[in-house]
N, C-alpha and C. Protein backbone atom coordinates (compact mmCIF):
# COMPACT_ATOMS: atom_id res chain seq x y z
N MET A 1 0.80 -1.04 -0.08
CA MET A 1 0.00 0.19 0.03
C MET A 1 0.82 1.07 -0.09
N GLY A 2 0.36 2.22 -1.08
CA GLY A 2 1.05 3.54 -1.12
C GLY A 2 1.25 4.70 -0.01
N THR A 3 1.34 5.62 0.02
CA THR A 3 1.14 6.70 1.23
C THR A 3 0.39 7.84 0.62
N GLY A 4 -0.23 8.44 1.11
CA GLY A 4 -1.55 9.53 0.86
C GLY A 4 -1.92 10.07 2.21
N ALA A 5 -3.04 10.90 1.97
CA ALA A 5 -4.00 11.66 2.79
C ALA A 5 -4.92 12.16 3.00
N ALA A 6 -5.83 12.15 3.44
CA ALA A 6 -7.56 12.08 3.51
C ALA A 6 -8.04 13.04 4.03
N MET A 7 -8.51 14.20 3.53
CA MET A 7 -8.73 15.79 3.57
C MET A 7 -10.43 16.26 3.56
N ASP A 8 -11.00 16.15 4.86
CA ASP A 8 -12.52 16.92 4.40
C ASP A 8 -12.86 18.34 5.39
N VAL A 9 -12.03 19.18 5.43
CA VAL A 9 -11.13 20.33 5.91
C VAL A 9 -10.50 21.45 4.75
N TYR A 10 -10.76 22.66 4.48
CA TYR A 10 -10.26 23.35 3.56
C TYR A 10 -10.06 25.00 3.78
N LYS A 11 -9.14 25.45 2.97
CA LYS A 11 -9.01 27.02 3.84
C LYS A 11 -10.29 27.59 3.31
N THR A 12 -11.03 27.21 1.89
CA THR A 12 -11.67 28.18 1.31
C THR A 12 -13.06 26.71 1.65
N GLU A 13 -13.93 26.83 1.79
CA GLU A 13 -15.17 25.54 1.45
C GLU A 13 -16.47 26.29 1.14
N PRO A 14 -16.93 25.74 -0.44
CA PRO A 14 -16.78 24.25 -0.49
C PRO A 14 -15.64 24.83 -1.24
N LEU A 15 -14.48 23.29 -1.72
CA LEU A 15 -13.27 23.45 -2.69
C LEU A 15 -13.76 24.33 -3.53
N PRO A 16 -12.93 25.40 -4.24
CA PRO A 16 -13.32 25.62 -5.66
C PRO A 16 -13.01 24.08 -6.95
N SER A 17 -13.12 24.87 -8.03
CA SER A 17 -13.11 23.65 -8.84
C SER A 17 -11.36 24.31 -9.32
N SER A 18 -10.82 24.67 -9.54
CA SER A 18 -9.63 25.63 -10.17
C SER A 18 -8.71 24.80 -8.60
N SER A 19 -9.09 24.32 -7.30
CA SER A 19 -7.51 24.14 -6.16
C SER A 19 -6.85 22.70 -7.28
N ALA A 20 -5.80 22.99 -6.98
CA ALA A 20 -5.28 21.97 -7.56
C ALA A 20 -4.88 20.77 -6.12
N LEU A 21 -6.42 20.85 -5.62
CA LEU A 21 -6.17 19.26 -4.71
C LEU A 21 -6.95 18.39 -5.29
N TRP A 22 -7.55 19.45 -6.47
CA TRP A 22 -8.19 17.66 -7.48
C TRP A 22 -7.64 17.30 -8.02
N ASP A 23 -6.74 17.31 -8.57
CA ASP A 23 -5.68 17.16 -8.89
C ASP A 23 -4.59 16.26 -8.56
N CYS A 24 -4.24 15.99 -7.53
CA CYS A 24 -3.21 15.86 -6.77
C CYS A 24 -3.58 14.28 -6.53
N PRO A 25 -2.05 13.45 -6.63
CA PRO A 25 -2.64 11.78 -6.46
C PRO A 25 -2.78 11.75 -5.07
N ASN A 26 -3.04 10.17 -4.50
CA ASN A 26 -2.87 9.74 -2.50
C ASN A 26 -3.85 10.59 -2.08
N LEU A 27 -4.36 11.27 -3.12
CA LEU A 27 -5.04 12.04 -2.19
C LEU A 27 -6.90 11.77 -1.61
N LEU A 28 -6.97 11.65 -0.81
CA LEU A 28 -9.06 11.51 -0.51
C LEU A 28 -9.60 12.44 0.30
N MET A 29 -10.50 13.23 -0.72
CA MET A 29 -11.08 13.97 -0.33
C MET A 29 -12.12 13.77 0.45
N SER A 30 -13.13 14.66 1.11
CA SER A 30 -14.96 14.14 1.16
C SER A 30 -14.92 15.20 1.77
N SER A 31 -16.23 15.72 1.78
CA SER A 31 -17.07 17.30 1.97
C SER A 31 -16.97 16.93 3.84
N HIS A 32 -16.77 18.52 4.15
CA HIS A 32 -16.71 18.49 5.41
C HIS A 32 -18.35 19.08 5.79
N ASN A 33 -18.56 18.16 6.11
CA ASN A 33 -20.16 18.10 7.37
C ASN A 33 -20.59 18.45 7.94
N ALA A 34 -21.42 19.44 8.45
CA ALA A 34 -21.47 19.96 9.96
C ALA A 34 -23.14 19.78 10.49
N ASP A 35 -23.10 18.32 10.64
CA ASP A 35 -24.00 17.16 11.12
C ASP A 35 -24.02 17.43 12.53
N LEU A 36 -23.64 18.84 13.21
CA LEU A 36 -24.42 18.60 14.84
C LEU A 36 -25.53 18.44 15.01
N THR A 37 -26.20 17.28 15.28
CA THR A 37 -27.15 16.77 16.01
C THR A 37 -27.15 16.53 17.67
N SER A 38 -28.30 16.51 18.65
CA SER A 38 -28.21 16.52 19.66
C SER A 38 -27.17 15.05 20.71
N ASP A 39 -27.29 13.96 19.17
CA ASP A 39 -26.96 12.96 19.83
C ASP A 39 -25.73 12.66 19.37
N TYR A 40 -25.36 13.83 18.49
CA TYR A 40 -23.68 13.46 17.84
C TYR A 40 -22.63 12.52 18.60
N PHE A 41 -22.55 12.90 19.24
CA PHE A 41 -21.31 12.85 20.34
C PHE A 41 -21.97 10.92 20.87
N GLN A 42 -23.07 11.05 21.01
CA GLN A 42 -23.29 9.27 21.92
C GLN A 42 -23.08 8.66 20.51
N LEU A 43 -23.50 8.93 19.14
CA LEU A 43 -23.22 8.32 18.29
C LEU A 43 -22.20 7.56 17.78
N GLY A 44 -21.46 9.10 17.73
CA GLY A 44 -19.93 8.68 17.28
C GLY A 44 -18.44 7.68 18.66
N TRP A 45 -19.42 7.94 20.15
CA TRP A 45 -19.19 7.11 21.30
C TRP A 45 -19.54 5.88 20.67
N ASP A 46 -20.87 5.29 20.24
CA ASP A 46 -21.41 4.53 20.06
C ASP A 46 -20.43 3.30 18.78
N VAL A 47 -19.87 4.21 17.85
CA VAL A 47 -19.36 3.42 16.98
C VAL A 47 -17.44 3.18 17.14
N TRP A 48 -17.13 4.14 17.64
CA TRP A 48 -15.66 4.13 18.70
C TRP A 48 -16.03 2.47 19.40
N ARG A 49 -16.68 2.67 20.37
CA ARG A 49 -16.96 1.38 20.84
C ARG A 49 -17.18 -0.20 20.61
N SER A 50 -18.16 0.32 19.45
CA SER A 50 -18.24 -0.83 18.61
C SER A 50 -17.02 -1.48 17.78
N ASN A 51 -15.92 -0.75 17.48
CA ASN A 51 -14.58 -0.77 16.90
C ASN A 51 -14.28 -1.43 17.50
N LEU A 52 -13.45 -0.88 18.69
CA LEU A 52 -13.11 -1.21 19.65
C LEU A 52 -13.45 -3.12 20.51
N GLU A 53 -14.53 -2.95 20.09
CA GLU A 53 -15.08 -4.20 20.45
C GLU A 53 -14.81 -5.54 19.47
N ALA A 54 -14.88 -5.07 19.02
CA ALA A 54 -14.41 -5.91 17.00
C ALA A 54 -12.79 -5.92 17.17
N VAL A 55 -12.15 -5.11 18.13
CA VAL A 55 -11.10 -5.15 17.51
C VAL A 55 -10.13 -6.02 18.56
N MET A 56 -11.13 -5.97 19.75
CA MET A 56 -10.81 -7.03 21.22
C MET A 56 -11.37 -8.51 20.29
N GLN A 57 -11.98 -8.38 19.39
CA GLN A 57 -12.76 -9.45 19.36
C GLN A 57 -12.44 -10.74 18.39
N GLY A 58 -11.66 -10.02 17.39
CA GLY A 58 -10.67 -10.28 16.05
C GLY A 58 -11.65 -10.13 15.16
N ALA A 59 -12.59 -9.65 15.38
CA ALA A 59 -13.82 -9.06 14.10
C ALA A 59 -13.78 -8.11 13.64
N SER A 60 -14.49 -7.85 12.43
CA SER A 60 -14.01 -7.24 11.63
C SER A 60 -14.44 -5.69 12.53
N LEU A 61 -13.44 -4.56 11.96
CA LEU A 61 -14.57 -3.02 12.52
C LEU A 61 -15.88 -2.89 11.42
N VAL A 62 -16.58 -1.94 12.68
CA VAL A 62 -17.80 -2.19 12.13
C VAL A 62 -18.29 -0.43 10.86
N THR A 63 -16.71 0.04 10.84
CA THR A 63 -16.22 1.49 9.88
C THR A 63 -15.14 1.12 8.81
N PRO A 64 -14.81 -0.07 7.89
CA PRO A 64 -14.10 -0.93 7.48
C PRO A 64 -13.42 0.24 6.71
N VAL A 65 -11.89 0.03 6.63
CA VAL A 65 -11.21 1.00 5.36
C VAL A 65 -10.80 0.21 4.04
N ASP A 66 -11.40 0.55 2.95
CA ASP A 66 -11.02 -0.03 2.20
C ASP A 66 -10.14 0.43 0.52
N PRO A 67 -9.40 0.80 1.27
CA PRO A 67 -8.37 1.87 -0.22
C PRO A 67 -8.67 0.92 -1.55
N SER A 68 -8.97 -0.34 -1.84
CA SER A 68 -9.38 -0.41 -3.32
C SER A 68 -11.15 0.17 -3.71
N ALA A 69 -11.08 0.25 -2.76
CA ALA A 69 -12.79 1.51 -3.42
C ALA A 69 -12.89 2.62 -2.93
N GLY A 70 -11.87 3.18 -3.09
CA GLY A 70 -11.47 4.35 -2.76
C GLY A 70 -11.61 4.69 -1.28
N TYR A 71 -12.17 4.86 0.02
CA TYR A 71 -12.14 4.71 0.90
C TYR A 71 -11.99 4.31 2.40
């Protein structure tokens, strides 16, 4: 596997189509979403805990990373 980076926050949002980042190899870009809801932090901790339990049990993560699929 090669090296790369992932970004979801940019100096200017939305990222202008003229940005050189669009052509940057090995860069995974996603939108910066402002989805703060009343249960945002609890849901985040629930996912984190599920992944921790999966790791401890040798199971698959609930939020796997699949570079071949682009994420």
